[in-house]
Amino acid sequence: MSHESLLDFEWPLPPGVRAAFTTRLGGSSAAPWDSLNLGAHVGDATAAVAANRARLSTLLGLRTEPAWLSQVHGVAVADLDAGPPASEPMTADAVVTSGRRPCVIMVADCLPVLFASRDGSRIGAAHAGWRGLAGGVLEQTVAALGLPARELTAWLGPAILQPEFEVGAEVREAFVGRDPGAAKFFAANPAGRWQADLVGLARQRLAGLGVHDVHGGKWCTFADRERFFSHRRDGHLFNGKGGRMAALVWRD
């Protein structure tokens, strides 16, 4: 589906499973959330966020409201098949289901990772910023999907890429302290800090789990100002509360 509000990408999916990633274009929000902000927690007008979410549902032909999460850079996984949630939104950084409710992750530099089983019976989504990634959010999500890793396919959405993602030694240590092989995803810069390859780190973690059918990971939120929100680029605006995009996977 070609539309300014949706990223055009390829991810071979089984029949009955669909996926989408939103851009910042074509919505109702005023600056600095202009214009398709989907985050209800960033200071934007409630009516504008509601209009943007309704527009997204219409655009994608969704029959059920997505399972919006309260994301906290952790590793908790919400299971939509476990019954009605105690509260809305659920506090988690990943979500899985065998049902019809769309799984959704909001991002503005962190890496969204979508999952689907080859037979289309299970889907999931994870919010993999550096904290969640280091903490094991991908491992927890794959475990919650409950299938052999070889039966899964994954897609990595837009995130801040290595040339723009400067981090301190503590971030590098969070990965290298667990796996010395992660060192290759950090390049020293002239400031005495490190440029981190979030996509490379995610691919390494997925490969370690046995998930090798991995797609995407080539779009930089920081560099593409026209299409994407970026917390690192625009965080100085309105106390860092800029817009959020969404990665969705659902079963028709």
C-alpha atoms as a PDB file:
ATOM      1  CA  MET A   1       0.000   0.000   0.000  1.00  0.00           C
ATOM      2  CA  SER A   2       1.581   3.261  -1.129  1.00  0.00           C
ATOM      3  CA  HIS A   3       0.647   6.260   1.034  1.00  0.00           C
ATOM      4  CA  GLU A   4       2.594   9.165   2.530  1.00  0.00           C
ATOM      5  CA  SER A   5       1.637   8.017   6.027  1.00  0.00           C
ATOM      6  CA  LEU A   6       3.098   4.539   5.532  1.00  0.00           C
ATOM      7  CA  LEU A   7       6.644   3.330   4.910  1.00  0.00           C
ATOM      8  CA  ASP A   8       7.000   1.230   1.769  1.00  0.00           C
ATOM      9  CA  PHE A   9       8.949  -1.940   2.586  1.00  0.00           C
ATOM     10  CA  GLU A  10       9.206  -5.599   1.688  1.00  0.00           C
ATOM     11  CA  TRP A  11       8.808  -8.411   4.208  1.00  0.00           C
ATOM     12  CA  PRO A  12       7.613 -11.787   2.885  1.00  0.00           C
ATOM     13  CA  LEU A  13       4.752 -12.769   5.180  1.00  0.00           C
ATOM     14  CA  PRO A  14       2.430 -15.786   5.294  1.00  0.00           C
ATOM     15  CA  PRO A  15      -1.133 -15.390   3.998  1.00  0.00           C
ATOM     16  CA  GLY A  16      -3.327 -13.608   6.514  1.00  0.00           C
ATOM     17  CA  VAL A  17      -0.557 -11.608   8.208  1.00  0.00           C
ATOM     18  CA  ARG A  18       0.083  -7.940   7.477  1.00  0.00           C
ATOM     19  CA  ALA A  19       2.519  -5.338   8.769  1.00  0.00           C
ATOM     20  CA  ALA A  20       2.940  -1.562   8.571  1.00  0.00           C
ATOM     21  CA  PHE A  21       5.163   1.254   9.775  1.00  0.00           C
ATOM     22  CA  THR A  22       3.927   4.833   9.963  1.00  0.00           C
ATOM     23  CA  THR A  23       5.767   7.970   8.908  1.00  0.00           C
ATOM     24  CA  ARG A  24       5.245  11.393  10.489  1.00  0.00           C
ATOM     25  CA  LEU A  25       3.224  12.573   7.470  1.00  0.00           C
ATOM     26  CA  GLY A  26      -0.494  13.019   6.865  1.00  0.00           C
ATOM     27  CA  GLY A  27      -1.807  13.550  10.385  1.00  0.00           C
ATOM     28  CA  SER A  28      -3.612  16.136  12.508  1.00  0.00           C
ATOM     29  CA  SER A  29      -1.012  17.185  15.095  1.00  0.00           C
ATOM     30  CA  ALA A  30       0.638  20.609  15.275  1.00  0.00           C
ATOM     31  CA  ALA A  31       4.391  21.152  15.702  1.00  0.00           C
ATOM     32  CA  PRO A  32       6.492  19.669  17.190  1.00  0.00           C
ATOM     33  CA  TRP A  33       4.293  16.591  16.854  1.00  0.00           C
ATOM     34  CA  ASP A  34       3.573  17.311  13.207  1.00  0.00           C
ATOM     35  CA  SER A  35       1.771  15.597  11.989  1.00  0.00           C
ATOM     36  CA  LEU A  36       0.941  11.895  12.380  1.00  0.00           C
ATOM     37  CA  ASN A  37       1.925  11.554  16.031  1.00  0.00           C
ATOM     38  CA  LEU A  38       0.526   8.369  17.577  1.00  0.00           C
ATOM     39  CA  GLY A  39       1.907   8.808  21.104  1.00  0.00           C
ATOM     40  CA  ALA A  40      -0.627   9.784  23.754  1.00  0.00           C
ATOM     41  CA  HIS A  41       2.099  10.365  26.367  1.00  0.00           C
ATOM     42  CA  VAL A  42       4.199  13.098  24.758  1.00  0.00           C
ATOM     43  CA  GLY A  43       2.183  16.249  25.418  1.00  0.00           C
ATOM     44  CA  ASP A  44       0.243  16.357  22.150  1.00  0.00           C
ATOM     45  CA  ALA A  45      -3.448  17.307  22.130  1.00  0.00           C
ATOM     46  CA  THR A  46      -5.606  14.315  23.047  1.00  0.00           C
ATOM     47  CA  ALA A  47      -8.011  14.999  20.196  1.00  0.00           C
ATOM     48  CA  ALA A  48      -5.180  15.100  17.660  1.00  0.00           C
ATOM     49  CA  VAL A  49      -3.761  11.760  18.818  1.00  0.00           C
ATOM     50  CA  ALA A  50      -7.222  10.184  18.734  1.00  0.00           C
ATOM     51  CA  ALA A  51      -7.759  11.508  15.202  1.00  0.00           C
ATOM     52  CA  ASN A  52      -4.370  10.180  14.101  1.00  0.00           C
ATOM     53  CA  ARG A  53      -5.043   6.731  15.549  1.00  0.00           C
ATOM     54  CA  ALA A  54      -8.476   6.638  13.923  1.00  0.00           C
ATOM     55  CA  ARG A  55      -6.932   7.672  10.618  1.00  0.00           C
ATOM     56  CA  LEU A  56      -4.393   4.873  10.902  1.00  0.00           C
ATOM     57  CA  SER A  57      -7.073   2.265  11.603  1.00  0.00           C
ATOM     58  CA  THR A  58      -9.061   3.427   8.597  1.00  0.00           C
ATOM     59  CA  LEU A  59      -6.006   3.529   6.357  1.00  0.00           C
ATOM     60  CA  LEU A  60      -5.019  -0.029   7.270  1.00  0.00           C
ATOM     61  CA  GLY A  61      -8.559  -1.372   7.419  1.00  0.00           C
ATOM     62  CA  LEU A  62      -8.091  -2.559  10.998  1.00  0.00           C
ATOM     63  CA  ARG A  63     -11.106  -4.282  12.529  1.00  0.00           C
ATOM     64  CA  THR A  64      -9.775  -4.061  16.091  1.00  0.00           C
ATOM     65  CA  GLU A  65      -8.016  -1.277  17.985  1.00  0.00           C
ATOM     66  CA  PRO A  66      -4.271  -1.960  18.230  1.00  0.00           C
ATOM     67  CA  ALA A  67      -2.898  -3.000  21.621  1.00  0.00           C
ATOM     68  CA  TRP A  68      -1.193   0.285  22.524  1.00  0.00           C
ATOM     69  CA  LEU A  69       1.390  -0.197  25.263  1.00  0.00           C
ATOM     70  CA  SER A  70       2.904   1.975  27.969  1.00  0.00           C
ATOM     71  CA  GLN A  71       6.549   1.391  27.056  1.00  0.00           C
ATOM     72  CA  VAL A  72       9.205   1.735  29.751  1.00  0.00           C
ATOM     73  CA  HIS A  73      12.415   0.459  28.061  1.00  0.00           C
ATOM     74  CA  GLY A  74      12.064  -2.860  29.872  1.00  0.00           C
ATOM     75  CA  VAL A  75      11.701  -6.500  28.834  1.00  0.00           C
ATOM     76  CA  ALA A  76       8.146  -7.378  29.903  1.00  0.00           C
ATOM     77  CA  VAL A  77       5.979  -9.055  27.239  1.00  0.00           C
ATOM     78  CA  ALA A  78       2.197  -8.595  27.126  1.00  0.00           C
ATOM     79  CA  ASP A  79       0.294 -11.714  26.016  1.00  0.00           C
ATOM     80  CA  LEU A  80      -2.943 -10.639  24.345  1.00  0.00           C
ATOM     81  CA  ASP A  81      -4.277 -14.185  24.587  1.00  0.00           C
ATOM     82  CA  ALA A  82      -4.111 -14.193  28.387  1.00  0.00           C
ATOM     83  CA  GLY A  83      -7.483 -12.488  28.781  1.00  0.00           C
ATOM     84  CA  PRO A  84      -8.628  -8.865  29.105  1.00  0.00           C
ATOM     85  CA  PRO A  85      -5.856  -6.569  30.353  1.00  0.00           C
ATOM     86  CA  ALA A  86      -6.184  -5.225  33.872  1.00  0.00           C
ATOM     87  CA  SER A  87      -5.534  -1.729  32.588  1.00  0.00           C
ATOM     88  CA  GLU A  88      -5.218   0.173  29.352  1.00  0.00           C
ATOM     89  CA  PRO A  89      -2.625   0.718  28.137  1.00  0.00           C
ATOM     90  CA  MET A  90      -0.650  -2.289  29.344  1.00  0.00           C
ATOM     91  CA  THR A  91       2.847  -1.573  30.688  1.00  0.00           C
ATOM     92  CA  ALA A  92       5.223  -3.667  28.576  1.00  0.00           C
ATOM     93  CA  ASP A  93       7.830  -3.342  25.848  1.00  0.00           C
ATOM     94  CA  ALA A  94       6.732  -6.283  23.735  1.00  0.00           C
ATOM     95  CA  VAL A  95       3.487  -7.987  22.816  1.00  0.00           C
ATOM     96  CA  VAL A  96       2.484 -11.352  21.333  1.00  0.00           C
ATOM     97  CA  THR A  97      -0.763 -12.947  20.205  1.00  0.00           C
ATOM     98  CA  SER A  98      -2.479 -15.689  18.218  1.00  0.00           C
ATOM     99  CA  GLY A  99      -5.571 -13.502  17.940  1.00  0.00           C
ATOM    100  CA  ARG A 100      -6.794 -10.685  15.748  1.00  0.00           C
ATOM    101  CA  ARG A 101      -5.809  -7.649  17.785  1.00  0.00           C
ATOM    102  CA  PRO A 102      -2.885  -5.819  16.154  1.00  0.00           C
ATOM    103  CA  CYS A 103       0.446  -5.779  17.984  1.00  0.00           C
ATOM    104  CA  VAL A 104       1.972  -2.296  17.974  1.00  0.00           C
ATOM    105  CA  ILE A 105       5.191  -0.644  19.160  1.00  0.00           C
ATOM    106  CA  MET A 106       5.786   3.122  19.197  1.00  0.00           C
ATOM    107  CA  VAL A 107       9.236   4.506  18.419  1.00  0.00           C
ATOM    108  CA  ALA A 108      11.188   7.673  17.681  1.00  0.00           C
ATOM    109  CA  ASP A 109      14.783   6.296  17.412  1.00  0.00           C
ATOM    110  CA  CYS A 110      14.515   2.972  19.251  1.00  0.00           C
ATOM    111  CA  LEU A 111      14.358  -0.125  17.057  1.00  0.00           C
ATOM    112  CA  PRO A 112      10.968  -1.773  16.461  1.00  0.00           C
ATOM    113  CA  VAL A 113      11.167  -5.519  15.793  1.00  0.00           C
ATOM    114  CA  LEU A 114       8.149  -7.342  14.361  1.00  0.00           C
ATOM    115  CA  PHE A 115       7.727 -11.117  14.355  1.00  0.00           C
ATOM    116  CA  ALA A 116       5.528 -13.633  12.571  1.00  0.00           C
ATOM    117  CA  SER A 117       5.506 -17.408  12.423  1.00  0.00           C
ATOM    118  CA  ARG A 118       5.836 -18.969   8.995  1.00  0.00           C
ATOM    119  CA  ASP A 119       2.353 -20.468   9.284  1.00  0.00           C
ATOM    120  CA  GLY A 120       0.835 -17.158  10.369  1.00  0.00           C
ATOM    121  CA  SER A 121      -0.449 -18.503  13.673  1.00  0.00           C
ATOM    122  CA  ARG A 122       1.662 -16.298  15.951  1.00  0.00           C
ATOM    123  CA  ILE A 123       2.767 -12.669  15.748  1.00  0.00           C
ATOM    124  CA  GLY A 124       4.610 -10.279  18.019  1.00  0.00           C
ATOM    125  CA  ALA A 125       6.356  -6.941  18.325  1.00  0.00           C
ATOM    126  CA  ALA A 126       9.216  -5.659  20.492  1.00  0.00           C
ATOM    127  CA  HIS A 127      10.547  -2.231  21.460  1.00  0.00           C
ATOM    128  CA  ALA A 128      14.317  -2.645  21.207  1.00  0.00           C
ATOM    129  CA  GLY A 129      16.083   0.504  22.281  1.00  0.00           C
ATOM    130  CA  TRP A 130      19.534  -0.089  23.706  1.00  0.00           C
ATOM    131  CA  ARG A 131      18.242  -0.685  27.241  1.00  0.00           C
ATOM    132  CA  GLY A 132      15.641  -3.229  26.221  1.00  0.00           C
ATOM    133  CA  LEU A 133      17.975  -4.877  23.744  1.00  0.00           C
ATOM    134  CA  ALA A 134      20.734  -5.223  26.340  1.00  0.00           C
ATOM    135  CA  GLY A 135      18.231  -6.433  28.902  1.00  0.00           C
ATOM    136  CA  GLY A 136      16.886  -9.221  26.708  1.00  0.00           C
ATOM    137  CA  VAL A 137      13.597  -7.965  25.257  1.00  0.00           C
ATOM    138  CA  LEU A 138      14.121  -9.928  22.029  1.00  0.00           C
ATOM    139  CA  GLU A 139      14.902 -13.107  23.960  1.00  0.00           C
ATOM    140  CA  GLN A 140      11.774 -12.631  26.073  1.00  0.00           C
ATOM    141  CA  THR A 141       9.607 -11.989  23.012  1.00  0.00           C
ATOM    142  CA  VAL A 142      10.831 -15.059  21.144  1.00  0.00           C
ATOM    143  CA  ALA A 143      10.268 -17.146  24.274  1.00  0.00           C
ATOM    144  CA  ALA A 144       6.728 -15.773  24.617  1.00  0.00           C
ATOM    145  CA  LEU A 145       5.954 -16.657  20.990  1.00  0.00           C
ATOM    146  CA  GLY A 146       6.551 -20.252  22.050  1.00  0.00           C
ATOM    147  CA  LEU A 147       7.759 -21.592  18.714  1.00  0.00           C
ATOM    148  CA  PRO A 148      11.109 -22.885  17.435  1.00  0.00           C
ATOM    149  CA  ALA A 149      13.186 -19.948  16.218  1.00  0.00           C
ATOM    150  CA  ARG A 150      13.510 -21.490  12.754  1.00  0.00           C
ATOM    151  CA  GLU A 151       9.751 -21.039  12.334  1.00  0.00           C
ATOM    152  CA  LEU A 152       9.944 -17.275  12.848  1.00  0.00           C
ATOM    153  CA  THR A 153      10.559 -14.376  10.507  1.00  0.00           C
ATOM    154  CA  ALA A 154      11.457 -10.899  11.790  1.00  0.00           C
ATOM    155  CA  TRP A 155      11.484  -7.344  10.458  1.00  0.00           C
ATOM    156  CA  LEU A 156      13.582  -4.461  11.781  1.00  0.00           C
ATOM    157  CA  GLY A 157      12.008  -1.051  11.298  1.00  0.00           C
ATOM    158  CA  PRO A 158      13.433   2.474  11.156  1.00  0.00           C
ATOM    159  CA  ALA A 159      15.732   3.424  14.041  1.00  0.00           C
ATOM    160  CA  ILE A 160      18.704   5.658  14.719  1.00  0.00           C
ATOM    161  CA  LEU A 161      21.591   4.129  12.767  1.00  0.00           C
ATOM    162  CA  GLN A 162      25.243   3.920  13.748  1.00  0.00           C
ATOM    163  CA  PRO A 163      26.546   7.147  12.144  1.00  0.00           C
ATOM    164  CA  GLU A 164      24.135   9.164  14.324  1.00  0.00           C
ATOM    165  CA  PHE A 165      23.961   7.052  17.498  1.00  0.00           C
ATOM    166  CA  GLU A 166      26.672   8.244  19.885  1.00  0.00           C
ATOM    167  CA  VAL A 167      26.743   6.505  23.269  1.00  0.00           C
ATOM    168  CA  GLY A 168      28.926   6.332  26.346  1.00  0.00           C
ATOM    169  CA  ALA A 169      31.132   3.530  27.623  1.00  0.00           C
ATOM    170  CA  GLU A 170      28.348   2.275  29.895  1.00  0.00           C
ATOM    171  CA  VAL A 171      26.188   1.397  26.896  1.00  0.00           C
ATOM    172  CA  ARG A 172      29.007  -0.505  25.234  1.00  0.00           C
ATOM    173  CA  GLU A 173      29.734  -2.346  28.490  1.00  0.00           C
ATOM    174  CA  ALA A 174      26.067  -3.367  28.808  1.00  0.00           C
ATOM    175  CA  PHE A 175      26.515  -5.418  25.642  1.00  0.00           C
ATOM    176  CA  VAL A 176      30.193  -6.370  25.623  1.00  0.00           C
ATOM    177  CA  GLY A 177      30.101  -7.412  29.276  1.00  0.00           C
ATOM    178  CA  ARG A 178      27.556 -10.055  28.311  1.00  0.00           C
ATOM    179  CA  ASP A 179      29.046 -10.988  24.951  1.00  0.00           C
ATOM    180  CA  PRO A 180      32.549  -9.865  23.908  1.00  0.00           C
ATOM    181  CA  GLY A 181      31.465 -10.448  20.297  1.00  0.00           C
ATOM    182  CA  ALA A 182      29.252  -7.389  20.538  1.00  0.00           C
ATOM    183  CA  ALA A 183      32.355  -5.155  20.465  1.00  0.00           C
ATOM    184  CA  LYS A 184      32.327  -5.135  16.659  1.00  0.00           C
ATOM    185  CA  PHE A 185      29.098  -3.134  16.734  1.00  0.00           C
ATOM    186  CA  PHE A 186      30.744  -0.165  18.489  1.00  0.00           C
ATOM    187  CA  ALA A 187      33.119   2.218  16.723  1.00  0.00           C
ATOM    188  CA  ALA A 188      35.233   4.688  18.705  1.00  0.00           C
ATOM    189  CA  ASN A 189      34.727   8.334  17.753  1.00  0.00           C
ATOM    190  CA  PRO A 190      37.004  11.388  18.157  1.00  0.00           C
ATOM    191  CA  ALA A 191      35.065  12.517  21.242  1.00  0.00           C
ATOM    192  CA  GLY A 192      36.171   9.449  23.168  1.00  0.00           C
ATOM    193  CA  ARG A 193      32.725   7.923  22.950  1.00  0.00           C
ATOM    194  CA  TRP A 194      31.173   5.236  20.763  1.00  0.00           C
ATOM    195  CA  GLN A 195      28.953   4.974  17.684  1.00  0.00           C
ATOM    196  CA  ALA A 196      26.581   2.071  18.347  1.00  0.00           C
ATOM    197  CA  ASP A 197      25.088  -0.153  15.655  1.00  0.00           C
ATOM    198  CA  LEU A 198      21.659  -0.909  17.127  1.00  0.00           C
ATOM    199  CA  VAL A 199      20.563  -2.883  14.067  1.00  0.00           C
ATOM    200  CA  GLY A 200      23.730  -4.987  14.104  1.00  0.00           C
ATOM    201  CA  LEU A 201      23.278  -5.703  17.808  1.00  0.00           C
ATOM    202  CA  ALA A 202      19.677  -6.786  17.221  1.00  0.00           C
ATOM    203  CA  ARG A 203      20.652  -9.051  14.342  1.00  0.00           C
ATOM    204  CA  GLN A 204      23.346 -10.606  16.533  1.00  0.00           C
ATOM    205  CA  ARG A 205      20.851 -11.296  19.319  1.00  0.00           C
ATOM    206  CA  LEU A 206      18.324 -12.773  16.881  1.00  0.00           C
ATOM    207  CA  ALA A 207      20.967 -14.980  15.274  1.00  0.00           C
ATOM    208  CA  GLY A 208      21.979 -16.186  18.709  1.00  0.00           C
ATOM    209  CA  LEU A 209      18.384 -17.249  19.272  1.00  0.00           C
ATOM    210  CA  GLY A 210      18.264 -19.035  15.928  1.00  0.00           C
ATOM    211  CA  VAL A 211      16.154 -16.426  14.110  1.00  0.00           C
ATOM    212  CA  HIS A 212      17.937 -16.009  10.779  1.00  0.00           C
ATOM    213  CA  ASP A 213      15.075 -14.891   8.516  1.00  0.00           C
ATOM    214  CA  VAL A 214      15.497 -11.189   9.296  1.00  0.00           C
ATOM    215  CA  HIS A 215      14.527  -8.281   7.042  1.00  0.00           C
ATOM    216  CA  GLY A 216      14.684  -4.454   7.118  1.00  0.00           C
ATOM    217  CA  GLY A 217      16.978  -2.387   9.305  1.00  0.00           C
ATOM    218  CA  LYS A 218      18.042   0.141   6.681  1.00  0.00           C
ATOM    219  CA  TRP A 219      16.208   3.389   7.547  1.00  0.00           C
ATOM    220  CA  CYS A 220      17.601   6.076   9.860  1.00  0.00           C
ATOM    221  CA  THR A 221      15.088   8.066  11.894  1.00  0.00           C
ATOM    222  CA  PHE A 222      17.639  10.747  12.778  1.00  0.00           C
ATOM    223  CA  ALA A 223      18.827  11.354   9.218  1.00  0.00           C
ATOM    224  CA  ASP A 224      15.407  11.377   7.520  1.00  0.00           C
ATOM    225  CA  ARG A 225      13.825  14.476   9.013  1.00  0.00           C
ATOM    226  CA  GLU A 226      11.051  14.642   6.421  1.00  0.00           C
ATOM    227  CA  ARG A 227       9.592  11.194   7.080  1.00  0.00           C
ATOM    228  CA  PHE A 228      10.508  10.292  10.653  1.00  0.00           C
ATOM    229  CA  PHE A 229      10.338  11.608  14.196  1.00  0.00           C
ATOM    230  CA  SER A 230      13.633  11.406  16.117  1.00  0.00           C
ATOM    231  CA  HIS A 231      13.962  11.875  19.864  1.00  0.00           C
ATOM    232  CA  ARG A 232      17.754  12.288  19.613  1.00  0.00           C
ATOM    233  CA  ARG A 233      17.449  14.903  16.850  1.00  0.00           C
ATOM    234  CA  ASP A 234      14.453  16.871  18.147  1.00  0.00           C
ATOM    235  CA  GLY A 235      14.451  16.099  21.864  1.00  0.00           C
ATOM    236  CA  HIS A 236      15.258  19.688  22.772  1.00  0.00           C
ATOM    237  CA  LEU A 237      11.774  20.697  21.632  1.00  0.00           C
ATOM    238  CA  PHE A 238       9.066  20.871  24.305  1.00  0.00           C
ATOM    239  CA  ASN A 239      11.105  19.077  26.980  1.00  0.00           C
ATOM    240  CA  GLY A 240      11.958  16.212  24.691  1.00  0.00           C
ATOM    241  CA  LYS A 241       8.375  15.233  24.032  1.00  0.00           C
ATOM    242  CA  GLY A 242       8.308  14.845  20.270  1.00  0.00           C
ATOM    243  CA  GLY A 243       6.118  12.625  18.125  1.00  0.00           C
ATOM    244  CA  ARG A 244       5.998   8.840  17.925  1.00  0.00           C
ATOM    245  CA  MET A 245       5.634   6.506  14.968  1.00  0.00           C
ATOM    246  CA  ALA A 246       4.213   3.001  15.093  1.00  0.00           C
ATOM    247  CA  ALA A 247       5.199  -0.446  13.855  1.00  0.00           C
ATOM    248  CA  LEU A 248       2.260  -2.844  13.583  1.00  0.00           C
ATOM    249  CA  VAL A 249       1.741  -6.520  12.749  1.00  0.00           C
ATOM    250  CA  TRP A 250      -1.691  -8.136  12.680  1.00  0.00           C
ATOM    251  CA  ARG A 251      -3.661 -11.157  11.514  1.00  0.00           C
ATOM    252  CA  ASP A 252      -6.529 -10.542   9.127  1.00  0.00           C
END
